């Protein structure tokens, strides 16, 4: 049996009880590497807001930012994405609506196939 640990986290002006639990490694979702170049220099929250707003079928709330770098006139984002989003991106040729155009994701395809082929 896995037991939780009760903690109280405090910051100036904020106090909140938190319960931490240990989970088995197989209960933690595996994320797939996905890189994308966005025009300009959007922040990570702004980028995700536009992606989610124009591509409601992607599960961006599950994505984890791994790297952000401004490269010339664009920004490179590297995310860990869920297997459902990876499969959906594969179905639309890895191209998602963004602002007035599209961006193309480079998804670790071999990893995406091994993690979640349920949407083929």
N, C-alpha and C. Protein backbone atom coordinates (compact mmCIF):
# COMPACT_ATOMS: atom_id res chain seq x y z
N UNK A 1 0.84 -1.18 0.00
CA UNK A 1 0.00 0.00 0.00
C UNK A 1 0.89 1.24 0.00
N UNK A 2 0.52 2.20 -0.84
CA UNK A 2 1.26 3.45 -0.92
C UNK A 2 0.57 4.48 -0.04
N UNK A 3 1.34 5.09 0.84
CA UNK A 3 0.78 6.10 1.74
C UNK A 3 1.19 7.49 1.28
N UNK A 4 0.34 8.45 1.54
CA UNK A 4 0.64 9.83 1.21
C UNK A 4 1.28 10.54 2.38
N UNK A 5 1.89 11.66 2.08
CA UNK A 5 2.52 12.49 3.09
C UNK A 5 1.80 13.83 3.08
N UNK A 6 1.31 14.25 4.23
CA UNK A 6 0.64 15.54 4.32
C UNK A 6 1.63 16.64 4.66
N UNK A 7 1.63 17.70 3.89
CA UNK A 7 2.51 18.84 4.11
C UNK A 7 1.71 20.12 4.06
N UNK A 8 2.27 21.15 4.62
CA UNK A 8 1.67 22.48 4.49
C UNK A 8 2.74 23.39 3.90
N UNK A 9 2.51 23.85 2.69
CA UNK A 9 3.45 24.75 2.03
C UNK A 9 3.05 26.18 2.34
N UNK A 10 4.03 27.00 2.64
CA UNK A 10 3.72 28.40 2.93
C UNK A 10 4.65 29.29 2.13
N UNK A 11 4.09 30.38 1.66
CA UNK A 11 4.82 31.47 1.03
C UNK A 11 4.21 32.75 1.60
N UNK A 12 4.91 33.83 1.55
CA UNK A 12 4.33 35.07 2.08
C UNK A 12 2.94 35.33 1.50
N UNK A 13 1.94 35.36 2.35
CA UNK A 13 0.57 35.63 1.91
C UNK A 13 -0.18 34.42 1.41
N UNK A 14 0.47 33.27 1.30
CA UNK A 14 -0.19 32.06 0.78
C UNK A 14 0.11 30.90 1.72
N UNK A 15 -0.90 30.18 2.09
CA UNK A 15 -0.72 28.97 2.89
C UNK A 15 -1.69 27.93 2.34
N UNK A 16 -1.17 26.78 1.98
CA UNK A 16 -2.03 25.77 1.37
C UNK A 16 -1.59 24.37 1.81
N UNK A 17 -2.55 23.54 2.20
CA UNK A 17 -2.20 22.15 2.51
C UNK A 17 -1.96 21.38 1.21
N UNK A 18 -0.98 20.51 1.24
CA UNK A 18 -0.64 19.71 0.07
C UNK A 18 -0.47 18.27 0.52
N UNK A 19 -0.93 17.35 -0.29
CA UNK A 19 -0.74 15.92 -0.01
C UNK A 19 0.06 15.32 -1.15
N UNK A 20 1.21 14.78 -0.83
CA UNK A 20 2.06 14.14 -1.81
C UNK A 20 1.91 12.63 -1.70
N UNK A 21 1.89 11.97 -2.84
CA UNK A 21 1.80 10.51 -2.85
C UNK A 21 2.84 9.94 -3.79
N UNK A 22 3.40 8.83 -3.42
CA UNK A 22 4.29 8.10 -4.31
C UNK A 22 3.45 7.28 -5.28
N UNK A 23 3.89 7.22 -6.52
CA UNK A 23 3.19 6.40 -7.52
C UNK A 23 4.21 5.50 -8.21
N UNK A 24 3.71 4.45 -8.79
CA UNK A 24 4.57 3.55 -9.54
C UNK A 24 5.02 4.25 -10.83
N UNK A 25 6.21 3.94 -11.31
CA UNK A 25 6.68 4.58 -12.55
C UNK A 25 5.73 4.37 -13.73
N UNK A 26 5.06 3.22 -13.79
CA UNK A 26 4.14 2.99 -14.92
C UNK A 26 2.88 3.84 -14.83
N UNK A 27 2.65 4.51 -13.71
CA UNK A 27 1.48 5.38 -13.57
C UNK A 27 1.77 6.81 -14.04
N UNK A 28 3.04 7.10 -14.29
CA UNK A 28 3.43 8.43 -14.77
C UNK A 28 3.43 8.40 -16.30
N UNK A 29 2.68 9.30 -16.93
CA UNK A 29 2.62 9.26 -18.40
C UNK A 29 3.97 9.58 -19.02
N UNK A 30 4.30 8.86 -20.08
CA UNK A 30 5.53 9.10 -20.83
C UNK A 30 5.26 10.23 -21.82
N UNK A 31 6.15 11.20 -21.87
CA UNK A 31 6.00 12.30 -22.80
C UNK A 31 6.95 12.13 -23.98
N UNK A 32 6.51 12.58 -25.13
CA UNK A 32 7.23 12.42 -26.38
C UNK A 32 7.81 13.76 -26.79
N UNK A 33 9.04 13.76 -27.25
CA UNK A 33 9.72 15.00 -27.64
C UNK A 33 9.10 15.56 -28.91
N UNK A 34 8.77 16.85 -28.87
CA UNK A 34 8.23 17.55 -30.03
C UNK A 34 8.85 18.94 -30.10
N UNK A 35 9.49 19.25 -31.22
CA UNK A 35 10.11 20.56 -31.41
C UNK A 35 9.32 21.33 -32.46
N UNK A 36 9.25 22.65 -32.28
CA UNK A 36 8.51 23.49 -33.22
C UNK A 36 9.12 24.89 -33.22
N UNK A 37 9.20 25.49 -34.40
CA UNK A 37 9.65 26.87 -34.53
C UNK A 37 8.42 27.75 -34.71
N UNK A 38 8.31 28.80 -33.90
CA UNK A 38 7.21 29.76 -34.01
C UNK A 38 7.80 31.09 -34.47
N UNK A 39 7.10 31.78 -35.37
CA UNK A 39 7.62 33.08 -35.80
C UNK A 39 7.62 34.09 -34.66
N UNK A 40 8.62 34.97 -34.67
CA UNK A 40 8.71 35.99 -33.63
C UNK A 40 9.29 35.43 -32.35
N UNK A 41 8.95 36.09 -31.25
CA UNK A 41 9.48 35.69 -29.94
C UNK A 41 8.35 35.56 -28.92
N UNK A 42 7.38 34.66 -29.17
CA UNK A 42 6.29 34.52 -28.20
C UNK A 42 6.77 33.86 -26.92
N UNK A 43 6.12 34.21 -25.82
CA UNK A 43 6.40 33.50 -24.57
C UNK A 43 5.77 32.11 -24.68
N UNK A 44 6.20 31.21 -23.82
CA UNK A 44 5.63 29.86 -23.83
C UNK A 44 4.13 29.88 -23.57
N UNK A 45 3.62 30.65 -22.58
CA UNK A 45 2.17 30.69 -22.38
C UNK A 45 1.41 31.27 -23.58
N UNK A 46 1.96 32.30 -24.22
CA UNK A 46 1.30 32.87 -25.40
C UNK A 46 1.26 31.87 -26.55
N UNK A 47 2.36 31.16 -26.76
CA UNK A 47 2.42 30.16 -27.81
C UNK A 47 1.36 29.08 -27.59
N UNK A 48 1.33 28.54 -26.37
CA UNK A 48 0.35 27.48 -26.08
C UNK A 48 -1.09 27.98 -26.18
N UNK A 49 -1.33 29.22 -25.79
CA UNK A 49 -2.68 29.78 -25.86
C UNK A 49 -3.16 29.83 -27.31
N UNK A 50 -2.29 30.25 -28.23
CA UNK A 50 -2.66 30.28 -29.65
C UNK A 50 -2.84 28.88 -30.21
N UNK A 51 -1.92 27.97 -29.87
CA UNK A 51 -2.04 26.59 -30.36
C UNK A 51 -3.35 25.97 -29.88
N UNK A 52 -3.65 26.11 -28.60
CA UNK A 52 -4.87 25.52 -28.04
C UNK A 52 -6.11 26.19 -28.63
N UNK A 53 -6.09 27.50 -28.77
CA UNK A 53 -7.25 28.21 -29.29
C UNK A 53 -7.59 27.85 -30.72
N UNK A 54 -6.59 27.50 -31.51
CA UNK A 54 -6.82 27.20 -32.91
C UNK A 54 -6.80 25.71 -33.23
N UNK A 55 -6.45 24.90 -32.26
CA UNK A 55 -6.36 23.44 -32.46
C UNK A 55 -6.94 22.76 -31.23
N UNK A 56 -8.21 22.89 -31.03
CA UNK A 56 -8.85 22.42 -29.80
C UNK A 56 -8.71 20.92 -29.55
N UNK A 57 -8.35 20.18 -30.56
CA UNK A 57 -8.22 18.73 -30.44
C UNK A 57 -6.89 18.31 -29.80
N UNK A 58 -5.94 19.23 -29.64
CA UNK A 58 -4.67 18.92 -28.99
C UNK A 58 -4.79 19.11 -27.48
N UNK A 59 -4.12 18.29 -26.72
CA UNK A 59 -4.20 18.31 -25.26
C UNK A 59 -3.02 19.08 -24.68
N UNK A 60 -2.94 20.39 -24.98
CA UNK A 60 -1.78 21.18 -24.57
C UNK A 60 -1.63 21.30 -23.06
N UNK A 61 -2.71 21.08 -22.32
CA UNK A 61 -2.60 21.13 -20.85
C UNK A 61 -1.73 20.00 -20.32
N UNK A 62 -1.47 18.99 -21.14
CA UNK A 62 -0.61 17.88 -20.74
C UNK A 62 0.85 18.10 -21.15
N UNK A 63 1.13 19.14 -21.92
CA UNK A 63 2.46 19.36 -22.45
C UNK A 63 3.37 20.00 -21.41
N UNK A 64 4.66 19.66 -21.48
CA UNK A 64 5.66 20.21 -20.56
C UNK A 64 6.76 20.85 -21.39
N UNK A 65 7.03 22.12 -21.13
CA UNK A 65 8.09 22.82 -21.85
C UNK A 65 9.44 22.30 -21.37
N UNK A 66 10.26 21.87 -22.31
CA UNK A 66 11.61 21.37 -21.99
C UNK A 66 12.68 22.39 -22.34
N UNK A 67 12.43 23.20 -23.39
CA UNK A 67 13.45 24.13 -23.86
C UNK A 67 12.79 25.23 -24.68
N UNK A 68 13.31 26.45 -24.57
CA UNK A 68 12.86 27.58 -25.39
C UNK A 68 14.09 28.38 -25.75
N UNK A 69 14.24 28.70 -27.04
CA UNK A 69 15.41 29.44 -27.49
C UNK A 69 15.02 30.32 -28.68
N UNK A 70 15.41 31.59 -28.61
CA UNK A 70 15.18 32.48 -29.74
C UNK A 70 16.28 32.24 -30.76
N UNK A 71 15.85 31.96 -32.01
CA UNK A 71 16.78 31.64 -33.08
C UNK A 71 16.44 32.55 -34.26
N UNK A 72 17.25 33.57 -34.47
CA UNK A 72 16.98 34.52 -35.55
C UNK A 72 15.65 35.23 -35.30
N UNK A 73 14.74 35.12 -36.27
CA UNK A 73 13.43 35.77 -36.18
C UNK A 73 12.34 34.83 -35.68
N UNK A 74 12.72 33.73 -35.08
CA UNK A 74 11.72 32.79 -34.56
C UNK A 74 12.17 32.22 -33.23
N UNK A 75 11.28 31.46 -32.64
CA UNK A 75 11.55 30.85 -31.34
C UNK A 75 11.39 29.34 -31.45
N UNK A 76 12.39 28.63 -30.98
CA UNK A 76 12.34 27.18 -30.93
C UNK A 76 11.75 26.76 -29.58
N UNK A 77 10.71 25.96 -29.63
CA UNK A 77 10.14 25.36 -28.43
C UNK A 77 10.34 23.86 -28.52
N UNK A 78 10.76 23.25 -27.43
CA UNK A 78 10.82 21.80 -27.34
C UNK A 78 9.93 21.41 -26.18
N UNK A 79 8.91 20.64 -26.48
CA UNK A 79 7.94 20.19 -25.48
C UNK A 79 8.01 18.69 -25.32
N UNK A 80 7.62 18.22 -24.16
CA UNK A 80 7.28 16.82 -23.96
C UNK A 80 5.76 16.79 -24.11
N UNK A 81 5.26 16.05 -25.09
CA UNK A 81 3.82 16.01 -25.34
C UNK A 81 3.28 14.61 -25.09
N UNK A 82 1.99 14.53 -24.82
CA UNK A 82 1.34 13.25 -24.56
C UNK A 82 1.18 12.46 -25.86
N UNK A 83 1.01 11.15 -25.74
CA UNK A 83 0.90 10.30 -26.92
C UNK A 83 -0.36 10.58 -27.73
N UNK A 84 -1.46 11.00 -27.08
CA UNK A 84 -2.67 11.34 -27.83
C UNK A 84 -2.40 12.52 -28.76
N UNK A 85 -1.76 13.57 -28.25
CA UNK A 85 -1.44 14.73 -29.08
C UNK A 85 -0.47 14.34 -30.20
N UNK A 86 0.50 13.47 -29.91
CA UNK A 86 1.45 13.03 -30.94
C UNK A 86 0.73 12.30 -32.06
N UNK A 87 -0.22 11.46 -31.72
CA UNK A 87 -0.98 10.73 -32.74
C UNK A 87 -1.86 11.68 -33.55
N UNK A 88 -2.45 12.65 -32.89
CA UNK A 88 -3.29 13.62 -33.58
C UNK A 88 -2.44 14.46 -34.52
N UNK A 89 -1.26 14.90 -34.07
CA UNK A 89 -0.37 15.65 -34.94
C UNK A 89 0.05 14.82 -36.15
N UNK A 90 0.30 13.54 -35.95
CA UNK A 90 0.66 12.68 -37.08
C UNK A 90 -0.48 12.65 -38.10
N UNK A 91 -1.71 12.63 -37.62
CA UNK A 91 -2.87 12.60 -38.51
C UNK A 91 -3.07 13.86 -39.32
N UNK A 92 -2.48 14.97 -38.88
CA UNK A 92 -2.59 16.23 -39.63
C UNK A 92 -1.22 16.62 -40.19
N UNK A 93 -0.40 15.62 -40.44
CA UNK A 93 0.92 15.80 -41.04
C UNK A 93 1.80 16.74 -40.21
N UNK A 94 1.64 16.70 -38.90
CA UNK A 94 2.45 17.45 -37.93
C UNK A 94 2.35 18.97 -38.10
N UNK A 95 1.32 19.44 -38.78
CA UNK A 95 1.14 20.85 -39.06
C UNK A 95 -0.10 21.36 -38.33
N UNK A 96 0.09 22.35 -37.45
CA UNK A 96 -1.03 22.89 -36.67
C UNK A 96 -1.23 24.36 -37.01
N UNK A 97 -2.46 24.84 -36.87
CA UNK A 97 -2.76 26.25 -37.08
C UNK A 97 -2.06 27.07 -36.00
N UNK A 98 -1.51 28.21 -36.41
CA UNK A 98 -0.86 29.11 -35.46
C UNK A 98 -0.95 30.53 -36.01
N UNK A 99 -1.59 31.41 -35.26
CA UNK A 99 -1.80 32.81 -35.68
C UNK A 99 -2.49 32.79 -37.04
N UNK A 100 -1.90 33.42 -38.05
CA UNK A 100 -2.52 33.46 -39.38
C UNK A 100 -1.93 32.42 -40.32
N UNK A 101 -1.15 31.51 -39.76
CA UNK A 101 -0.52 30.50 -40.60
C UNK A 101 -0.51 29.15 -39.91
N UNK A 102 0.55 28.40 -40.15
CA UNK A 102 0.71 27.08 -39.57
C UNK A 102 2.14 26.91 -39.08
N UNK A 103 2.32 26.04 -38.11
CA UNK A 103 3.65 25.64 -37.66
C UNK A 103 3.74 24.13 -37.80
N UNK A 104 4.95 23.65 -38.06
CA UNK A 104 5.16 22.21 -38.23
C UNK A 104 5.97 21.67 -37.06
N UNK A 105 5.43 20.67 -36.42
CA UNK A 105 6.09 20.02 -35.29
C UNK A 105 7.00 18.91 -35.80
N UNK A 106 8.14 18.78 -35.18
CA UNK A 106 9.05 17.67 -35.43
C UNK A 106 8.93 16.75 -34.22
N UNK A 107 8.18 15.67 -34.39
CA UNK A 107 7.89 14.75 -33.28
C UNK A 107 8.78 13.54 -33.41
N UNK A 108 9.30 13.07 -32.30
CA UNK A 108 10.12 11.85 -32.28
C UNK A 108 9.21 10.69 -32.70
N UNK A 109 9.17 10.41 -33.98
CA UNK A 109 8.20 9.46 -34.54
C UNK A 109 8.34 8.05 -34.01
N UNK A 110 9.56 7.56 -33.91
CA UNK A 110 9.74 6.19 -33.40
C UNK A 110 9.22 6.10 -31.98
N UNK A 111 9.48 7.13 -31.20
CA UNK A 111 8.99 7.15 -29.82
C UNK A 111 7.47 7.26 -29.80
N UNK A 112 6.89 8.09 -30.68
CA UNK A 112 5.44 8.27 -30.72
C UNK A 112 4.75 6.96 -31.08
N UNK A 113 5.33 6.21 -32.02
CA UNK A 113 4.72 4.92 -32.39
C UNK A 113 4.76 3.93 -31.25
N UNK A 114 5.89 3.89 -30.51
CA UNK A 114 6.01 2.91 -29.43
C UNK A 114 5.18 3.29 -28.22
N UNK A 115 4.94 4.61 -28.01
CA UNK A 115 4.21 5.06 -26.83
C UNK A 115 2.70 4.95 -27.00
N UNK A 116 2.19 5.25 -28.17
CA UNK A 116 0.74 5.30 -28.28
C UNK A 116 0.26 5.13 -29.69
N UNK A 117 0.14 3.93 -30.14
CA UNK A 117 -0.35 3.70 -31.48
C UNK A 117 -1.84 3.48 -31.54
N UNK A 118 -2.56 3.86 -30.50
CA UNK A 118 -3.99 3.57 -30.45
C UNK A 118 -4.81 4.43 -31.39
N UNK A 119 -4.22 5.50 -31.97
CA UNK A 119 -4.99 6.41 -32.81
C UNK A 119 -4.67 6.23 -34.28
N UNK A 120 -3.98 5.14 -34.65
CA UNK A 120 -3.62 4.90 -36.06
C UNK A 120 -4.84 4.58 -36.89
